[in-house]
Amino acid sequence: MTLKQNLPRLTRAFAALAFAALIGTGLKADSVPSTPAPFPPHRPASLMQTMRLRLHHLHTGESIDVAYKQNGQYLQDGVDMLNHFLRDHRTNDLAHYDPLEFDLLHNLLVRLGRPNATIDIVCGYRTPWSNNFLRTRSAETGVAEHSQHMLSKAIDIRIPGVSTRALRDAALSLGMGGVGYYPISHFVHVDVGPVRGWQFGGRQMLASSGRHGRGRGRRHRA
């Protein structure tokens, strides 16, 4: 029998060997991936990114563009730079921020669809002295006696091009902590304390607890 006559039989034999090899690996013939997966299934792609913050301090005039987290791990140099940047601008004292506050800012930008935007900082860390100074300037200041700012868990912010109301709504939707709405002063307070929301100034005072709750109530302060 000639080679030409044996060709169909040889083709079938090679196909059978290839199929047997696939069975040996535990794969079906139609399940062989055309390209490798970009990340292992157990490791979400979001953990692989480098997380940055771009901030501008309205009191000191300083700006910062810093990577603070990579592969799901906080970068100590970046965190230290943010702690210094967010120091009490009245006393120059700094504290160690809860890094979840930085995640909150990053997530807020992503929620707004502006991950590369610069956040204007109205107020970062406050020493007890600075907090008391703000509280006693007038009868109604909106500054809490036991402010989350003193615990390095709160920041008052604006984002150029984003309305204060839209910023408030986006922060509330995250459910990561406290959200204070200051429509007259045009800033939003965000902290990683208990989940709650309030409004200071304007027609309606808002005070609420829970993930997305809103309602009338007593005045809260930040």
Protein backbone atom coordinates (compact mmCIF):
# COMPACT_ATOMS: atom_id res chain seq x y z
CA MET A 1 0.00 0.00 0.00
CA THR A 2 1.39 3.39 -0.99
CA LEU A 3 1.91 6.41 1.31
CA LYS A 4 -0.91 8.20 -0.48
CA GLN A 5 -3.23 5.32 0.28
CA ASN A 6 -2.14 5.31 3.97
CA LEU A 7 -2.56 9.09 4.44
CA PRO A 8 -6.19 9.04 5.71
CA ARG A 9 -5.32 6.31 8.22
CA LEU A 10 -2.25 8.24 9.46
CA THR A 11 -4.28 11.44 9.79
CA ARG A 12 -6.85 9.67 11.93
CA ALA A 13 -4.09 8.16 14.06
CA PHE A 14 -2.45 11.53 14.72
CA ALA A 15 -5.84 13.05 15.61
CA ALA A 16 -6.49 10.23 18.07
CA LEU A 17 -3.10 10.76 19.71
CA ALA A 18 -3.74 14.51 20.03
CA PHE A 19 -7.15 13.91 21.60
CA ALA A 20 -5.65 11.38 24.03
CA ALA A 21 -3.05 13.96 25.06
CA LEU A 22 -5.79 16.45 25.82
CA ILE A 23 -7.71 13.90 27.88
CA GLY A 24 -4.52 13.19 29.81
CA THR A 25 -4.27 16.84 30.84
CA GLY A 26 -7.90 16.98 31.95
CA LEU A 27 -8.91 19.45 29.20
CA LYS A 28 -11.60 19.20 26.59
CA ALA A 29 -10.62 19.80 23.00
CA ASP A 30 -12.65 23.03 22.83
CA SER A 31 -11.47 24.34 26.21
CA VAL A 32 -7.84 25.09 25.33
CA PRO A 33 -7.36 28.86 25.94
CA SER A 34 -6.21 30.83 22.92
CA THR A 35 -4.34 33.32 25.17
CA PRO A 36 -3.19 33.06 28.80
CA ALA A 37 -5.29 34.77 31.51
CA PRO A 38 -3.86 38.19 32.46
CA PHE A 39 -4.01 37.43 36.19
CA PRO A 40 -4.54 34.30 38.28
CA PRO A 41 -8.27 33.75 38.96
CA HIS A 42 -7.83 34.14 42.72
CA ARG A 43 -6.20 37.57 42.41
CA PRO A 44 -8.46 40.38 41.17
CA ALA A 45 -6.96 42.65 38.56
CA SER A 46 -7.79 45.70 40.70
CA LEU A 47 -5.17 44.64 43.25
CA MET A 48 -2.45 44.86 40.62
CA GLN A 49 -2.84 48.56 39.90
CA THR A 50 -0.83 51.40 41.35
CA MET A 51 -3.12 53.77 43.23
CA ARG A 52 -2.23 57.47 43.15
CA LEU A 53 -3.60 60.65 44.67
CA ARG A 54 -3.22 64.15 43.28
CA LEU A 55 -3.95 66.77 45.92
CA HIS A 56 -3.74 70.56 46.26
CA HIS A 57 -3.87 72.22 49.67
CA LEU A 58 -5.86 75.45 49.63
CA HIS A 59 -4.11 76.84 52.74
CA THR A 60 -0.47 75.95 52.17
CA GLY A 61 -0.55 76.20 48.38
CA GLU A 62 1.28 72.86 48.17
CA SER A 63 0.46 70.18 45.60
CA ILE A 64 1.33 66.50 45.59
CA ASP A 65 1.12 63.62 43.12
CA VAL A 66 1.98 60.42 44.94
CA ALA A 67 1.60 56.66 44.57
CA TYR A 68 0.49 55.31 47.94
CA LYS A 69 -0.59 51.73 47.18
CA GLN A 70 0.57 48.99 44.82
CA ASN A 71 -0.49 45.38 44.39
CA GLY A 72 -2.85 45.81 47.32
CA GLN A 73 -0.05 46.93 49.66
CA TYR A 74 0.41 50.42 51.07
CA LEU A 75 3.68 52.09 50.10
CA GLN A 76 5.19 53.53 53.27
CA ASP A 77 7.05 56.35 51.50
CA GLY A 78 3.83 57.46 49.79
CA VAL A 79 1.82 57.24 53.00
CA ASP A 80 4.46 59.29 54.84
CA MET A 81 4.31 61.97 52.15
CA LEU A 82 0.52 62.16 52.47
CA ASN A 83 0.73 62.38 56.26
CA HIS A 84 3.08 65.34 55.95
CA PHE A 85 0.99 66.98 53.25
CA LEU A 86 -2.17 66.70 55.39
CA ARG A 87 -0.53 68.09 58.52
CA ASP A 88 -2.27 70.75 60.62
CA HIS A 89 -1.44 73.85 58.60
CA ARG A 90 -1.81 76.08 61.65
CA THR A 91 0.70 74.27 63.87
CA ASN A 92 2.64 72.11 61.36
CA ASP A 93 1.96 69.06 63.54
CA LEU A 94 1.37 65.86 61.62
CA ALA A 95 -0.26 62.57 62.51
CA HIS A 96 -0.55 59.11 61.00
CA TYR A 97 -3.69 58.93 58.90
CA ASP A 98 -5.83 55.84 58.73
CA PRO A 99 -4.84 54.71 55.19
CA LEU A 100 -8.46 53.77 54.51
CA GLU A 101 -9.05 57.50 54.19
CA PHE A 102 -6.73 57.53 51.19
CA ASP A 103 -8.65 54.60 49.70
CA LEU A 104 -11.86 56.56 50.25
CA LEU A 105 -10.50 59.50 48.25
CA HIS A 106 -9.31 57.21 45.47
CA ASN A 107 -12.64 55.34 45.33
CA LEU A 108 -14.50 58.63 45.28
CA LEU A 109 -12.61 59.79 42.20
CA VAL A 110 -13.29 56.47 40.49
CA ARG A 111 -17.00 56.69 41.36
CA LEU A 112 -17.11 60.14 39.80
CA GLY A 113 -15.40 58.85 36.67
CA ARG A 114 -12.43 61.17 37.23
CA PRO A 115 -9.61 58.93 38.54
CA ASN A 116 -6.88 61.41 37.56
CA ALA A 117 -8.54 64.55 38.95
CA THR A 118 -6.88 66.76 41.56
CA ILE A 119 -8.63 67.07 44.93
CA ASP A 120 -8.55 70.43 46.69
CA ILE A 121 -7.91 70.01 50.42
CA VAL A 122 -9.81 72.41 52.64
CA CYS A 123 -8.77 70.78 55.92
CA GLY A 124 -6.78 67.69 56.85
CA TYR A 125 -5.46 66.81 60.29
CA ARG A 126 -6.31 69.05 63.24
CA THR A 127 -4.58 69.14 66.60
CA PRO A 128 -6.87 69.53 69.63
CA TRP A 129 -5.70 73.14 69.85
CA SER A 130 -6.56 73.86 66.24
CA ASN A 131 -9.93 72.13 66.53
CA ASN A 132 -10.82 74.15 69.62
CA PHE A 133 -9.68 77.34 67.90
CA LEU A 134 -12.11 76.70 65.05
CA ARG A 135 -14.96 75.76 67.39
CA THR A 136 -14.72 78.93 69.46
CA ARG A 137 -14.55 81.44 66.60
CA SER A 138 -18.35 81.83 66.64
CA ALA A 139 -21.50 80.24 68.02
CA GLU A 140 -22.14 78.21 64.84
CA THR A 141 -18.99 76.85 63.24
CA GLY A 142 -19.94 73.31 62.26
CA VAL A 143 -16.85 71.98 64.06
CA ALA A 144 -17.37 69.01 66.40
CA GLU A 145 -15.74 68.90 69.82
CA HIS A 146 -14.52 65.35 69.18
CA SER A 147 -13.85 65.71 65.48
CA GLN A 148 -12.66 62.85 63.31
CA HIS A 149 -10.06 65.32 62.01
CA MET A 150 -8.25 64.98 65.35
CA LEU A 151 -8.15 61.20 64.86
CA SER A 152 -6.56 61.52 61.40
CA LYS A 153 -9.64 59.94 59.83
CA ALA A 154 -11.26 62.92 58.09
CA ILE A 155 -10.59 65.39 55.28
CA ASP A 156 -12.66 68.29 53.96
CA ILE A 157 -12.48 68.44 50.17
CA ARG A 158 -13.56 70.04 46.91
CA ILE A 159 -13.00 68.76 43.37
CA PRO A 160 -12.79 71.43 40.67
CA GLY A 161 -15.49 70.89 38.07
CA VAL A 162 -17.66 68.77 40.39
CA SER A 163 -20.55 70.38 42.24
CA THR A 164 -20.64 70.09 46.01
CA ARG A 165 -23.94 68.22 45.81
CA ALA A 166 -22.61 65.70 43.27
CA LEU A 167 -19.53 65.19 45.43
CA ARG A 168 -21.75 64.61 48.47
CA ASP A 169 -23.93 62.10 46.62
CA ALA A 170 -20.93 60.14 45.34
CA ALA A 171 -19.38 60.01 48.81
CA LEU A 172 -22.65 58.79 50.36
CA SER A 173 -22.92 56.04 47.73
CA LEU A 174 -19.59 54.57 48.85
CA GLY A 175 -20.83 53.86 52.37
CA MET A 176 -17.29 54.03 53.74
CA GLY A 177 -17.87 56.43 56.65
CA GLY A 178 -19.17 59.87 57.52
CA VAL A 179 -20.18 62.41 54.89
CA GLY A 180 -20.83 66.04 55.79
CA TYR A 181 -22.41 68.40 53.25
CA TYR A 182 -21.46 72.09 53.62
CA PRO A 183 -23.24 73.83 50.72
CA ILE A 184 -22.52 77.40 51.86
CA SER A 185 -18.81 76.78 52.38
CA HIS A 186 -18.69 74.60 49.24
CA PHE A 187 -16.94 71.54 50.59
CA VAL A 188 -17.69 67.98 51.64
CA HIS A 189 -16.35 66.29 54.76
CA VAL A 190 -15.40 62.62 54.27
CA ASP A 191 -14.16 60.35 57.04
CA VAL A 192 -13.73 56.65 57.76
CA GLY A 193 -15.57 56.77 61.08
CA PRO A 194 -19.10 55.41 61.54
CA VAL A 195 -21.32 55.55 58.46
CA ARG A 196 -23.56 58.63 58.73
CA GLY A 197 -24.46 61.78 56.84
CA TRP A 198 -25.35 65.36 57.72
CA GLN A 199 -25.74 68.84 56.29
CA PHE A 200 -24.55 72.09 57.85
CA GLY A 201 -25.92 75.33 56.46
CA GLY A 202 -28.48 75.91 53.78
CA ARG A 203 -32.23 75.37 53.98
CA GLN A 204 -32.39 71.79 55.15
CA MET A 205 -30.30 70.24 57.88
CA LEU A 206 -29.52 66.63 57.07
CA ALA A 207 -28.56 64.07 59.68
CA SER A 208 -28.70 60.38 59.03
CA SER A 209 -27.22 57.00 59.87
CA GLY A 210 -26.81 53.94 57.71
CA ARG A 211 -25.45 53.32 54.25
CA HIS A 212 -27.55 55.69 52.18
CA GLY A 213 -30.06 57.14 54.62
CA ARG A 214 -31.06 60.75 54.59
CA GLY A 215 -33.54 62.75 56.63
CA ARG A 216 -34.16 65.75 58.75
CA GLY A 217 -32.66 65.79 62.20
CA ARG A 218 -30.36 67.49 64.62
CA ARG A 219 -27.22 69.24 63.47
CA HIS A 220 -24.05 67.27 63.19
CA ARG A 221 -20.56 68.68 63.06
CA ALA A 222 -17.27 67.49 61.67
